[in-house]
Amino acid sequence: MGDPRGIGPEVVGKALASLIPELPPDSFLVLGPSGSDPALTPFEAIGNWDGTEAGAGRVTVDAIRRGVNLALEGTVAAIITGPSHKPAIQAAGWSVPGQTELLQALSKAKDVGMLMSAERTRAGGALRVLLATTHIPLRELFQHLTKDVLLRKCRLLSSALTSDWGFERPRIGICAVNPHASDGGLFGSEEEELLRPAVDQLKGENLSVEGPFPADTIFRRALEGELDAVVAPYHDVGMAAFKSVSFGTGVNVTLGLPFIRTSPDHGTAFDIAGSGTADPTSTREAILLAARLARRRFDTHSGHK
């Protein structure tokens, strides 16, 4: 359910209530600290929250760890994590920038990707945005954004869109770093020296990858159906576009794990926690998407159509 101080318990309870009987009680298990369980069960208590920030981080991590273990042993096909508070997780002793990296560490996944997915947006079309880099200062971007990173993230994205979303040959667009994709080198050299060589190599591997496209047009291309997903070079260029058309309904999907993992696209919202006014739509969408992806993965592996 995420951080016990936030809106996680509320939105989980509301989302599950809205999905009954579509989602029968024997198809899910809620994990959280004692006393935070929503009205709906089954619920498994994971420790007690002692009222401190570090304590909130510990119960958050312990619930995620329990979910990961259940997924790795095959008891569950997917986990949906509620909104967490990064400083609390770090206060609990985990020096990770976010849940994506925590899940990677707990599952020992070799490589992961943070994909924001909205099958319906306020603009009408679907939008899927993979962040090539995540929670880093912008001034350090080119210490983290390398050709190897782009190659790995695009391969991971293409594989997931094929196996879990069912695209036969997913069309991926690379978002530029500089204004107007540097306009022939006027505003930087990264497009020609970094992004385009990666695109060319991926095309040589028979992946459908195009770009780099300017940031002010690539998301329109995706919304109008020209692209199945966009790779954004850094956090805010991708998240600003994504949340502009899907805030409250989008879903965060972690690619590269040995199980399906989704989460809502919002934070803990401490300011409204306990008020009963939190919108559960994004959590509901995260549950539904996890169920669809898990079903497709099961059908693919079992040879069903």
C-alpha atoms as a PDB file:
ATOM      1  CA  MET A   1       0.000   0.000   0.000  1.00  0.00           C
ATOM      2  CA  GLY A   2       3.014   2.313   0.033  1.00  0.00           C
ATOM      3  CA  ASP A   3       3.880   4.780   2.778  1.00  0.00           C
ATOM      4  CA  PRO A   4       1.324   4.373   5.623  1.00  0.00           C
ATOM      5  CA  ARG A   5       1.229   8.151   6.165  1.00  0.00           C
ATOM      6  CA  GLY A   6       0.057   8.851   2.630  1.00  0.00           C
ATOM      7  CA  ILE A   7      -3.017   8.167   0.536  1.00  0.00           C
ATOM      8  CA  GLY A   8      -1.930   4.637  -0.395  1.00  0.00           C
ATOM      9  CA  PRO A   9      -4.261   2.763   1.991  1.00  0.00           C
ATOM     10  CA  GLU A  10      -7.205   4.921   0.884  1.00  0.00           C
ATOM     11  CA  VAL A  11      -6.695   4.617  -2.874  1.00  0.00           C
ATOM     12  CA  VAL A  12      -5.983   0.876  -2.638  1.00  0.00           C
ATOM     13  CA  GLY A  13      -9.221   0.321  -0.730  1.00  0.00           C
ATOM     14  CA  LYS A  14     -11.263   2.477  -3.110  1.00  0.00           C
ATOM     15  CA  ALA A  15      -9.724   0.931  -6.222  1.00  0.00           C
ATOM     16  CA  LEU A  16     -10.328  -2.639  -5.072  1.00  0.00           C
ATOM     17  CA  ALA A  17     -13.897  -1.830  -4.017  1.00  0.00           C
ATOM     18  CA  SER A  18     -14.594  -0.442  -7.482  1.00  0.00           C
ATOM     19  CA  LEU A  19     -13.295  -3.624  -9.112  1.00  0.00           C
ATOM     20  CA  ILE A  20     -15.466  -6.101  -7.204  1.00  0.00           C
ATOM     21  CA  PRO A  21     -16.818  -8.453  -8.560  1.00  0.00           C
ATOM     22  CA  GLU A  22     -14.660  -7.964 -11.698  1.00  0.00           C
ATOM     23  CA  LEU A  23     -11.667  -8.785  -9.501  1.00  0.00           C
ATOM     24  CA  PRO A  24     -12.678 -11.594  -7.109  1.00  0.00           C
ATOM     25  CA  PRO A  25     -11.189 -11.550  -3.573  1.00  0.00           C
ATOM     26  CA  ASP A  26      -9.210 -14.727  -4.172  1.00  0.00           C
ATOM     27  CA  SER A  27      -7.274 -13.034  -6.992  1.00  0.00           C
ATOM     28  CA  PHE A  28      -5.371 -10.477  -4.895  1.00  0.00           C
ATOM     29  CA  LEU A  29      -3.564  -9.991  -1.582  1.00  0.00           C
ATOM     30  CA  VAL A  30      -3.065  -6.621   0.135  1.00  0.00           C
ATOM     31  CA  LEU A  31       0.218  -6.083   1.997  1.00  0.00           C
ATOM     32  CA  GLY A  32       0.766  -3.329   4.568  1.00  0.00           C
ATOM     33  CA  PRO A  33       1.532  -2.564   8.220  1.00  0.00           C
ATOM     34  CA  SER A  34      -0.828  -3.627  10.981  1.00  0.00           C
ATOM     35  CA  GLY A  35      -3.774  -1.282  11.383  1.00  0.00           C
ATOM     36  CA  SER A  36      -3.602   0.130   7.874  1.00  0.00           C
ATOM     37  CA  ASP A  37      -5.657  -2.516   6.105  1.00  0.00           C
ATOM     38  CA  PRO A  38      -8.468  -1.330   3.862  1.00  0.00           C
ATOM     39  CA  ALA A  39     -11.991  -2.596   4.458  1.00  0.00           C
ATOM     40  CA  LEU A  40     -11.500  -5.257   1.798  1.00  0.00           C
ATOM     41  CA  THR A  41      -9.441  -8.369   2.436  1.00  0.00           C
ATOM     42  CA  PRO A  42      -7.452 -10.618   2.055  1.00  0.00           C
ATOM     43  CA  PHE A  43      -4.856  -8.586   3.930  1.00  0.00           C
ATOM     44  CA  GLU A  44      -1.447  -9.645   5.249  1.00  0.00           C
ATOM     45  CA  ALA A  45       0.061  -7.479   7.966  1.00  0.00           C
ATOM     46  CA  ILE A  46       3.730  -6.636   7.411  1.00  0.00           C
ATOM     47  CA  GLY A  47       5.115  -5.368  10.728  1.00  0.00           C
ATOM     48  CA  ASN A  48       4.044  -2.337  12.740  1.00  0.00           C
ATOM     49  CA  TRP A  49       4.656   1.304  11.961  1.00  0.00           C
ATOM     50  CA  ASP A  50       6.292   3.070  14.918  1.00  0.00           C
ATOM     51  CA  GLY A  51       5.255   6.576  13.833  1.00  0.00           C
ATOM     52  CA  THR A  52       8.706   7.664  12.584  1.00  0.00           C
ATOM     53  CA  GLU A  53       9.814   8.444   9.036  1.00  0.00           C
ATOM     54  CA  ALA A  54      12.389   5.644   9.120  1.00  0.00           C
ATOM     55  CA  GLY A  55       9.674   3.329  10.414  1.00  0.00           C
ATOM     56  CA  ALA A  56       7.404   4.293   7.528  1.00  0.00           C
ATOM     57  CA  GLY A  57      10.264   3.506   5.165  1.00  0.00           C
ATOM     58  CA  ARG A  58      10.869   0.133   6.802  1.00  0.00           C
ATOM     59  CA  VAL A  59       7.260  -1.056   6.542  1.00  0.00           C
ATOM     60  CA  THR A  60       7.105   0.222   2.959  1.00  0.00           C
ATOM     61  CA  VAL A  61      10.230  -1.731   1.985  1.00  0.00           C
ATOM     62  CA  ASP A  62       9.160  -4.816   3.963  1.00  0.00           C
ATOM     63  CA  ALA A  63       5.825  -4.933   2.111  1.00  0.00           C
ATOM     64  CA  ILE A  64       7.567  -4.532  -1.243  1.00  0.00           C
ATOM     65  CA  ARG A  65      10.092  -7.225  -0.285  1.00  0.00           C
ATOM     66  CA  ARG A  66       7.245  -9.588   0.638  1.00  0.00           C
ATOM     67  CA  GLY A  67       5.532  -8.889  -2.688  1.00  0.00           C
ATOM     68  CA  VAL A  68       8.743  -9.519  -4.614  1.00  0.00           C
ATOM     69  CA  ASN A  69       9.290 -12.828  -2.793  1.00  0.00           C
ATOM     70  CA  LEU A  70       5.720 -13.926  -3.549  1.00  0.00           C
ATOM     71  CA  ALA A  71       6.247 -13.066  -7.215  1.00  0.00           C
ATOM     72  CA  LEU A  72       9.617 -14.807  -7.445  1.00  0.00           C
ATOM     73  CA  GLU A  73       8.211 -18.004  -5.953  1.00  0.00           C
ATOM     74  CA  GLY A  74       5.289 -17.899  -8.385  1.00  0.00           C
ATOM     75  CA  THR A  75       2.519 -17.320  -5.851  1.00  0.00           C
ATOM     76  CA  VAL A  76       1.483 -14.073  -7.543  1.00  0.00           C
ATOM     77  CA  ALA A  77       1.841 -13.022 -11.178  1.00  0.00           C
ATOM     78  CA  ALA A  78       2.133  -9.280 -10.568  1.00  0.00           C
ATOM     79  CA  ILE A  79       2.666  -6.724  -7.824  1.00  0.00           C
ATOM     80  CA  ILE A  80       1.171  -3.247  -7.638  1.00  0.00           C
ATOM     81  CA  THR A  81       2.975  -0.863  -5.295  1.00  0.00           C
ATOM     82  CA  GLY A  82       1.373   2.133  -3.640  1.00  0.00           C
ATOM     83  CA  PRO A  83       2.985   5.578  -3.508  1.00  0.00           C
ATOM     84  CA  SER A  84       6.120   5.700  -1.366  1.00  0.00           C
ATOM     85  CA  HIS A  85       8.225   8.512   0.089  1.00  0.00           C
ATOM     86  CA  LYS A  86      11.831   8.382  -1.122  1.00  0.00           C
ATOM     87  CA  PRO A  87      13.359  10.105   1.960  1.00  0.00           C
ATOM     88  CA  ALA A  88      11.614   7.558   4.215  1.00  0.00           C
ATOM     89  CA  ILE A  89      13.010   4.631   2.232  1.00  0.00           C
ATOM     90  CA  GLN A  90      16.480   6.165   2.465  1.00  0.00           C
ATOM     91  CA  ALA A  91      16.002   6.821   6.202  1.00  0.00           C
ATOM     92  CA  ALA A  92      15.293   3.108   6.529  1.00  0.00           C
ATOM     93  CA  GLY A  93      18.762   2.362   5.161  1.00  0.00           C
ATOM     94  CA  TRP A  94      18.142   1.918   1.435  1.00  0.00           C
ATOM     95  CA  SER A  95      20.288   4.297  -0.635  1.00  0.00           C
ATOM     96  CA  VAL A  96      18.157   4.017  -3.778  1.00  0.00           C
ATOM     97  CA  PRO A  97      16.543   6.920  -5.649  1.00  0.00           C
ATOM     98  CA  GLY A  98      13.158   5.242  -6.036  1.00  0.00           C
ATOM     99  CA  GLN A  99      11.007   2.116  -6.079  1.00  0.00           C
ATOM    100  CA  THR A 100      12.240   1.094  -9.535  1.00  0.00           C
ATOM    101  CA  GLU A 101      15.809   0.741  -8.280  1.00  0.00           C
ATOM    102  CA  LEU A 102      14.610  -0.910  -5.057  1.00  0.00           C
ATOM    103  CA  LEU A 103      12.708  -3.537  -7.044  1.00  0.00           C
ATOM    104  CA  GLN A 104      15.767  -4.131  -9.205  1.00  0.00           C
ATOM    105  CA  ALA A 105      17.910  -4.715  -6.108  1.00  0.00           C
ATOM    106  CA  LEU A 106      15.387  -7.012  -4.424  1.00  0.00           C
ATOM    107  CA  SER A 107      14.750  -9.110  -7.540  1.00  0.00           C
ATOM    108  CA  LYS A 108      18.389  -9.032  -8.711  1.00  0.00           C
ATOM    109  CA  ALA A 109      17.213  -7.976 -12.178  1.00  0.00           C
ATOM    110  CA  LYS A 110      20.072  -7.202 -14.558  1.00  0.00           C
ATOM    111  CA  ASP A 111      18.463  -4.193 -16.199  1.00  0.00           C
ATOM    112  CA  VAL A 112      15.177  -2.362 -15.654  1.00  0.00           C
ATOM    113  CA  GLY A 113      13.255   0.422 -17.312  1.00  0.00           C
ATOM    114  CA  MET A 114      10.707   2.949 -16.029  1.00  0.00           C
ATOM    115  CA  LEU A 115       7.807   3.063 -18.491  1.00  0.00           C
ATOM    116  CA  MET A 116       4.888   5.436 -18.037  1.00  0.00           C
ATOM    117  CA  SER A 117       1.826   4.033 -19.756  1.00  0.00           C
ATOM    118  CA  ALA A 118      -1.609   5.480 -20.446  1.00  0.00           C
ATOM    119  CA  GLU A 119      -3.850   3.474 -22.730  1.00  0.00           C
ATOM    120  CA  ARG A 120      -6.314   6.392 -22.693  1.00  0.00           C
ATOM    121  CA  THR A 121      -5.326  10.058 -22.377  1.00  0.00           C
ATOM    122  CA  ARG A 122      -7.146  13.370 -22.293  1.00  0.00           C
ATOM    123  CA  ALA A 123      -5.782  13.935 -25.806  1.00  0.00           C
ATOM    124  CA  GLY A 124      -7.517  10.783 -27.011  1.00  0.00           C
ATOM    125  CA  GLY A 125      -4.661   8.483 -27.991  1.00  0.00           C
ATOM    126  CA  ALA A 126      -2.427   6.189 -25.977  1.00  0.00           C
ATOM    127  CA  LEU A 127       0.950   7.368 -24.699  1.00  0.00           C
ATOM    128  CA  ARG A 128       3.853   5.260 -23.459  1.00  0.00           C
ATOM    129  CA  VAL A 129       7.075   6.953 -22.367  1.00  0.00           C
ATOM    130  CA  LEU A 130      10.230   5.160 -21.248  1.00  0.00           C
ATOM    131  CA  LEU A 131      12.697   7.252 -19.249  1.00  0.00           C
ATOM    132  CA  ALA A 132      16.260   6.548 -20.385  1.00  0.00           C
ATOM    133  CA  THR A 133      17.475   8.165 -17.158  1.00  0.00           C
ATOM    134  CA  THR A 134      15.424   8.689 -14.019  1.00  0.00           C
ATOM    135  CA  HIS A 135      16.143  10.496 -10.760  1.00  0.00           C
ATOM    136  CA  ILE A 136      19.388  12.369 -11.392  1.00  0.00           C
ATOM    137  CA  PRO A 137      20.322  16.071 -11.434  1.00  0.00           C
ATOM    138  CA  LEU A 138      20.064  17.472 -14.947  1.00  0.00           C
ATOM    139  CA  ARG A 139      23.652  18.717 -14.811  1.00  0.00           C
ATOM    140  CA  GLU A 140      24.777  15.077 -14.548  1.00  0.00           C
ATOM    141  CA  LEU A 141      22.707  13.884 -17.517  1.00  0.00           C
ATOM    142  CA  PHE A 142      25.547  12.952 -19.853  1.00  0.00           C
ATOM    143  CA  GLN A 143      27.316  11.002 -17.131  1.00  0.00           C
ATOM    144  CA  HIS A 144      24.327   8.633 -17.266  1.00  0.00           C
ATOM    145  CA  LEU A 145      22.911   8.973 -20.790  1.00  0.00           C
ATOM    146  CA  THR A 146      25.248   6.962 -23.002  1.00  0.00           C
ATOM    147  CA  LYS A 147      24.911   5.031 -26.217  1.00  0.00           C
ATOM    148  CA  ASP A 148      24.985   1.778 -24.272  1.00  0.00           C
ATOM    149  CA  VAL A 149      22.153   2.961 -22.018  1.00  0.00           C
ATOM    150  CA  LEU A 150      20.031   3.923 -25.029  1.00  0.00           C
ATOM    151  CA  LEU A 151      20.665   0.571 -26.694  1.00  0.00           C
ATOM    152  CA  ARG A 152      19.751  -1.383 -23.571  1.00  0.00           C
ATOM    153  CA  LYS A 153      16.624   0.642 -22.816  1.00  0.00           C
ATOM    154  CA  CYS A 154      15.331   0.439 -26.389  1.00  0.00           C
ATOM    155  CA  ARG A 155      15.889  -3.323 -26.559  1.00  0.00           C
ATOM    156  CA  LEU A 156      14.130  -3.736 -23.217  1.00  0.00           C
ATOM    157  CA  LEU A 157      11.215  -1.583 -24.383  1.00  0.00           C
ATOM    158  CA  SER A 158      10.835  -3.327 -27.718  1.00  0.00           C
ATOM    159  CA  SER A 159      10.873  -6.733 -26.044  1.00  0.00           C
ATOM    160  CA  ALA A 160       8.235  -5.738 -23.465  1.00  0.00           C
ATOM    161  CA  LEU A 161       5.933  -4.141 -26.039  1.00  0.00           C
ATOM    162  CA  THR A 162       6.110  -7.336 -28.063  1.00  0.00           C
ATOM    163  CA  SER A 163       5.709  -9.906 -25.287  1.00  0.00           C
ATOM    164  CA  ASP A 164       3.420  -8.080 -22.848  1.00  0.00           C
ATOM    165  CA  TRP A 165       1.507  -5.570 -24.985  1.00  0.00           C
ATOM    166  CA  GLY A 166       1.266  -7.747 -28.080  1.00  0.00           C
ATOM    167  CA  PHE A 167       2.767  -5.403 -30.680  1.00  0.00           C
ATOM    168  CA  GLU A 168       4.160  -7.376 -33.599  1.00  0.00           C
ATOM    169  CA  ARG A 169       6.876  -4.799 -34.374  1.00  0.00           C
ATOM    170  CA  PRO A 170       6.619  -1.862 -31.981  1.00  0.00           C
ATOM    171  CA  ARG A 171       7.497   1.573 -33.344  1.00  0.00           C
ATOM    172  CA  ILE A 172       9.777   3.471 -30.966  1.00  0.00           C
ATOM    173  CA  GLY A 173      10.722   7.129 -31.227  1.00  0.00           C
ATOM    174  CA  ILE A 174      13.794   8.699 -29.609  1.00  0.00           C
ATOM    175  CA  CYS A 175      13.257  12.145 -28.104  1.00  0.00           C
ATOM    176  CA  ALA A 176      16.027  14.684 -28.702  1.00  0.00           C
ATOM    177  CA  VAL A 177      17.955  16.357 -25.911  1.00  0.00           C
ATOM    178  CA  ASN A 178      18.488  19.791 -27.454  1.00  0.00           C
ATOM    179  CA  PRO A 179      15.942  22.301 -28.829  1.00  0.00           C
ATOM    180  CA  HIS A 180      14.755  21.367 -32.337  1.00  0.00           C
ATOM    181  CA  ALA A 181      16.942  18.222 -32.161  1.00  0.00           C
ATOM    182  CA  SER A 182      19.918  20.644 -32.314  1.00  0.00           C
ATOM    183  CA  ASP A 183      18.826  21.966 -35.749  1.00  0.00           C
ATOM    184  CA  GLY A 184      21.773  20.528 -37.625  1.00  0.00           C
ATOM    185  CA  GLY A 185      24.259  21.107 -34.838  1.00  0.00           C
ATOM    186  CA  LEU A 186      23.369  24.708 -34.019  1.00  0.00           C
ATOM    187  CA  PHE A 187      22.286  23.896 -30.458  1.00  0.00           C
ATOM    188  CA  GLY A 188      24.467  20.973 -29.523  1.00  0.00           C
ATOM    189  CA  SER A 189      26.145  17.864 -30.886  1.00  0.00           C
ATOM    190  CA  GLU A 190      24.474  15.142 -28.821  1.00  0.00           C
ATOM    191  CA  GLU A 191      21.901  14.242 -31.467  1.00  0.00           C
ATOM    192  CA  GLU A 192      24.548  13.433 -34.074  1.00  0.00           C
ATOM    193  CA  GLU A 193      27.210  12.060 -31.748  1.00  0.00           C
ATOM    194  CA  LEU A 194      25.044  10.077 -29.307  1.00  0.00           C
ATOM    195  CA  LEU A 195      21.410   9.596 -30.273  1.00  0.00           C
ATOM    196  CA  ARG A 196      21.604   8.991 -34.009  1.00  0.00           C
ATOM    197  CA  PRO A 197      24.373   6.347 -33.803  1.00  0.00           C
ATOM    198  CA  ALA A 198      22.232   4.460 -31.280  1.00  0.00           C
ATOM    199  CA  VAL A 199      19.218   4.653 -33.596  1.00  0.00           C
ATOM    200  CA  ASP A 200      21.273   3.420 -36.541  1.00  0.00           C
ATOM    201  CA  GLN A 201      22.620   0.455 -34.570  1.00  0.00           C
ATOM    202  CA  LEU A 202      19.136  -0.521 -33.380  1.00  0.00           C
ATOM    203  CA  LYS A 203      17.832  -0.346 -36.944  1.00  0.00           C
ATOM    204  CA  GLY A 204      20.649  -2.707 -37.903  1.00  0.00           C
ATOM    205  CA  GLU A 205      19.238  -5.112 -35.302  1.00  0.00           C
ATOM    206  CA  ASN A 206      15.877  -4.924 -37.119  1.00  0.00           C
ATOM    207  CA  LEU A 207      14.189  -2.882 -34.404  1.00  0.00           C
ATOM    208  CA  SER A 208      11.727  -0.222 -35.529  1.00  0.00           C
ATOM    209  CA  VAL A 209      13.375   2.826 -33.961  1.00  0.00           C
ATOM    210  CA  GLU A 210      13.260   6.347 -35.389  1.00  0.00           C
ATOM    211  CA  GLY A 211      14.607   9.753 -34.432  1.00  0.00           C
ATOM    212  CA  PRO A 212      15.805  11.701 -32.731  1.00  0.00           C
ATOM    213  CA  PHE A 213      12.672  13.850 -32.953  1.00  0.00           C
ATOM    214  CA  PRO A 214      12.353  17.271 -31.273  1.00  0.00           C
ATOM    215  CA  ALA A 215      10.698  17.159 -27.856  1.00  0.00           C
ATOM    216  CA  ASP A 216       7.997  19.603 -28.954  1.00  0.00           C
ATOM    217  CA  THR A 217       6.655  17.248 -31.654  1.00  0.00           C
ATOM    218  CA  ILE A 218       7.476  13.646 -30.715  1.00  0.00           C
ATOM    219  CA  PHE A 219       4.728  13.248 -28.125  1.00  0.00           C
ATOM    220  CA  ARG A 220       2.135  14.485 -30.622  1.00  0.00           C
ATOM    221  CA  ARG A 221       3.378  11.796 -33.018  1.00  0.00           C
ATOM    222  CA  ALA A 222       2.802   9.159 -30.350  1.00  0.00           C
ATOM    223  CA  LEU A 223      -0.644  10.460 -29.387  1.00  0.00           C
ATOM    224  CA  GLU A 224      -1.702  10.405 -33.036  1.00  0.00           C
ATOM    225  CA  GLY A 225      -0.628   6.781 -33.403  1.00  0.00           C
ATOM    226  CA  GLU A 226       2.581   7.218 -35.407  1.00  0.00           C
ATOM    227  CA  LEU A 227       4.651   5.746 -32.569  1.00  0.00           C
ATOM    228  CA  ASP A 228       3.885   3.037 -30.021  1.00  0.00           C
ATOM    229  CA  ALA A 229       6.299   4.444 -27.444  1.00  0.00           C
ATOM    230  CA  VAL A 230       8.738   7.290 -26.862  1.00  0.00           C
ATOM    231  CA  VAL A 231      12.143   7.086 -25.188  1.00  0.00           C
ATOM    232  CA  ALA A 232      12.758  10.305 -23.242  1.00  0.00           C
ATOM    233  CA  PRO A 233      16.393  11.173 -22.473  1.00  0.00           C
ATOM    234  CA  TYR A 234      15.703  12.545 -19.001  1.00  0.00           C
ATOM    235  CA  HIS A 235      12.976  12.520 -16.383  1.00  0.00           C
ATOM    236  CA  ASP A 236      11.197  15.850 -16.753  1.00  0.00           C
ATOM    237  CA  VAL A 237      10.969  16.023 -20.544  1.00  0.00           C
ATOM    238  CA  GLY A 238       9.143  12.682 -20.470  1.00  0.00           C
ATOM    239  CA  MET A 239       7.081  13.174 -17.321  1.00  0.00           C
ATOM    240  CA  ALA A 240       5.923  16.698 -18.173  1.00  0.00           C
ATOM    241  CA  ALA A 241       4.494  15.540 -21.484  1.00  0.00           C
ATOM    242  CA  PHE A 242       3.031  12.350 -20.010  1.00  0.00           C
ATOM    243  CA  LYS A 243       1.306  13.911 -17.022  1.00  0.00           C
ATOM    244  CA  SER A 244      -0.046  16.794 -19.074  1.00  0.00           C
ATOM    245  CA  VAL A 245      -2.396  14.365 -20.822  1.00  0.00           C
ATOM    246  CA  SER A 246      -2.783  11.541 -18.304  1.00  0.00           C
ATOM    247  CA  PHE A 247      -2.301  12.805 -14.743  1.00  0.00           C
ATOM    248  CA  GLY A 248      -4.359  10.696 -12.379  1.00  0.00           C
ATOM    249  CA  THR A 249      -4.917   7.916 -14.908  1.00  0.00           C
ATOM    250  CA  GLY A 250      -1.389   6.970 -15.969  1.00  0.00           C
ATOM    251  CA  VAL A 251       0.509   3.921 -14.748  1.00  0.00           C
ATOM    252  CA  ASN A 252       4.183   3.356 -13.952  1.00  0.00           C
ATOM    253  CA  VAL A 253       5.405  -0.027 -15.253  1.00  0.00           C
ATOM    254  CA  THR A 254       8.819  -1.473 -14.394  1.00  0.00           C
ATOM    255  CA  LEU A 255      10.278  -3.334 -17.362  1.00  0.00           C
ATOM    256  CA  GLY A 256      12.949  -6.016 -17.030  1.00  0.00           C
ATOM    257  CA  LEU A 257      11.729  -7.645 -13.825  1.00  0.00           C
ATOM    258  CA  PRO A 258      10.933 -11.382 -13.744  1.00  0.00           C
ATOM    259  CA  PHE A 259       7.326 -10.437 -12.898  1.00  0.00           C
ATOM    260  CA  ILE A 260       4.840  -7.673 -13.724  1.00  0.00           C
ATOM    261  CA  ARG A 261       5.031  -4.565 -11.566  1.00  0.00           C
ATOM    262  CA  THR A 262       2.869  -1.452 -11.832  1.00  0.00           C
ATOM    263  CA  SER A 263       2.100   1.550  -9.639  1.00  0.00           C
ATOM    264  CA  PRO A 264       0.002   4.719  -9.798  1.00  0.00           C
ATOM    265  CA  ASP A 265       1.547   7.804 -11.389  1.00  0.00           C
ATOM    266  CA  HIS A 266       1.276  10.033  -8.299  1.00  0.00           C
ATOM    267  CA  GLY A 267       2.960  10.432  -4.947  1.00  0.00           C
ATOM    268  CA  THR A 268       1.955  10.081  -1.310  1.00  0.00           C
ATOM    269  CA  ALA A 269      -0.089  13.338  -1.169  1.00  0.00           C
ATOM    270  CA  PHE A 270       0.513  13.761   2.562  1.00  0.00           C
ATOM    271  CA  ASP A 271      -1.476  17.009   2.482  1.00  0.00           C
ATOM    272  CA  ILE A 272      -4.773  15.205   1.821  1.00  0.00           C
ATOM    273  CA  ALA A 273      -4.045  11.864   3.508  1.00  0.00           C
ATOM    274  CA  GLY A 274      -6.880  10.848   5.798  1.00  0.00           C
ATOM    275  CA  SER A 275      -9.349  13.286   4.267  1.00  0.00           C
ATOM    276  CA  GLY A 276     -11.150  10.664   2.203  1.00  0.00           C
ATOM    277  CA  THR A 277     -10.807  12.783  -0.944  1.00  0.00           C
ATOM    278  CA  ALA A 278      -7.986  10.931  -2.759  1.00  0.00           C
ATOM    279  CA  ASP A 279      -8.744   9.858  -6.337  1.00  0.00           C
ATOM    280  CA  PRO A 280      -8.139   6.097  -6.813  1.00  0.00           C
ATOM    281  CA  THR A 281      -8.263   6.166 -10.640  1.00  0.00           C
ATOM    282  CA  SER A 282      -4.536   5.732 -11.233  1.00  0.00           C
ATOM    283  CA  THR A 283      -4.342   2.856  -8.724  1.00  0.00           C
ATOM    284  CA  ARG A 284      -7.359   1.239 -10.373  1.00  0.00           C
ATOM    285  CA  GLU A 285      -5.680   1.559 -13.782  1.00  0.00           C
ATOM    286  CA  ALA A 286      -2.451   0.121 -12.336  1.00  0.00           C
ATOM    287  CA  ILE A 287      -4.347  -2.952 -11.081  1.00  0.00           C
ATOM    288  CA  LEU A 288      -6.167  -3.462 -14.385  1.00  0.00           C
ATOM    289  CA  LEU A 289      -3.021  -3.035 -16.484  1.00  0.00           C
ATOM    290  CA  ALA A 290      -1.077  -5.443 -14.262  1.00  0.00           C
ATOM    291  CA  ALA A 291      -3.829  -8.030 -14.678  1.00  0.00           C
ATOM    292  CA  ARG A 292      -3.876  -7.617 -18.478  1.00  0.00           C
ATOM    293  CA  LEU A 293      -0.105  -7.826 -18.821  1.00  0.00           C
ATOM    294  CA  ALA A 294       0.112 -10.837 -16.513  1.00  0.00           C
ATOM    295  CA  ARG A 295      -2.606 -12.618 -18.475  1.00  0.00           C
ATOM    296  CA  ARG A 296      -0.875 -11.935 -21.796  1.00  0.00           C
ATOM    297  CA  ARG A 297       2.473 -13.107 -20.420  1.00  0.00           C
ATOM    298  CA  PHE A 298       0.857 -16.282 -19.081  1.00  0.00           C
ATOM    299  CA  ASP A 299      -0.900 -16.967 -22.380  1.00  0.00           C
ATOM    300  CA  THR A 300       2.301 -16.340 -24.334  1.00  0.00           C
ATOM    301  CA  HIS A 301       4.380 -18.670 -22.179  1.00  0.00           C
ATOM    302  CA  SER A 302       1.706 -21.371 -22.134  1.00  0.00           C
ATOM    303  CA  GLY A 303       1.086 -21.190 -25.887  1.00  0.00           C
ATOM    304  CA  HIS A 304      -2.499 -19.909 -25.508  1.00  0.00           C
ATOM    305  CA  LYS A 305      -3.991 -17.215 -27.726  1.00  0.00           C
END
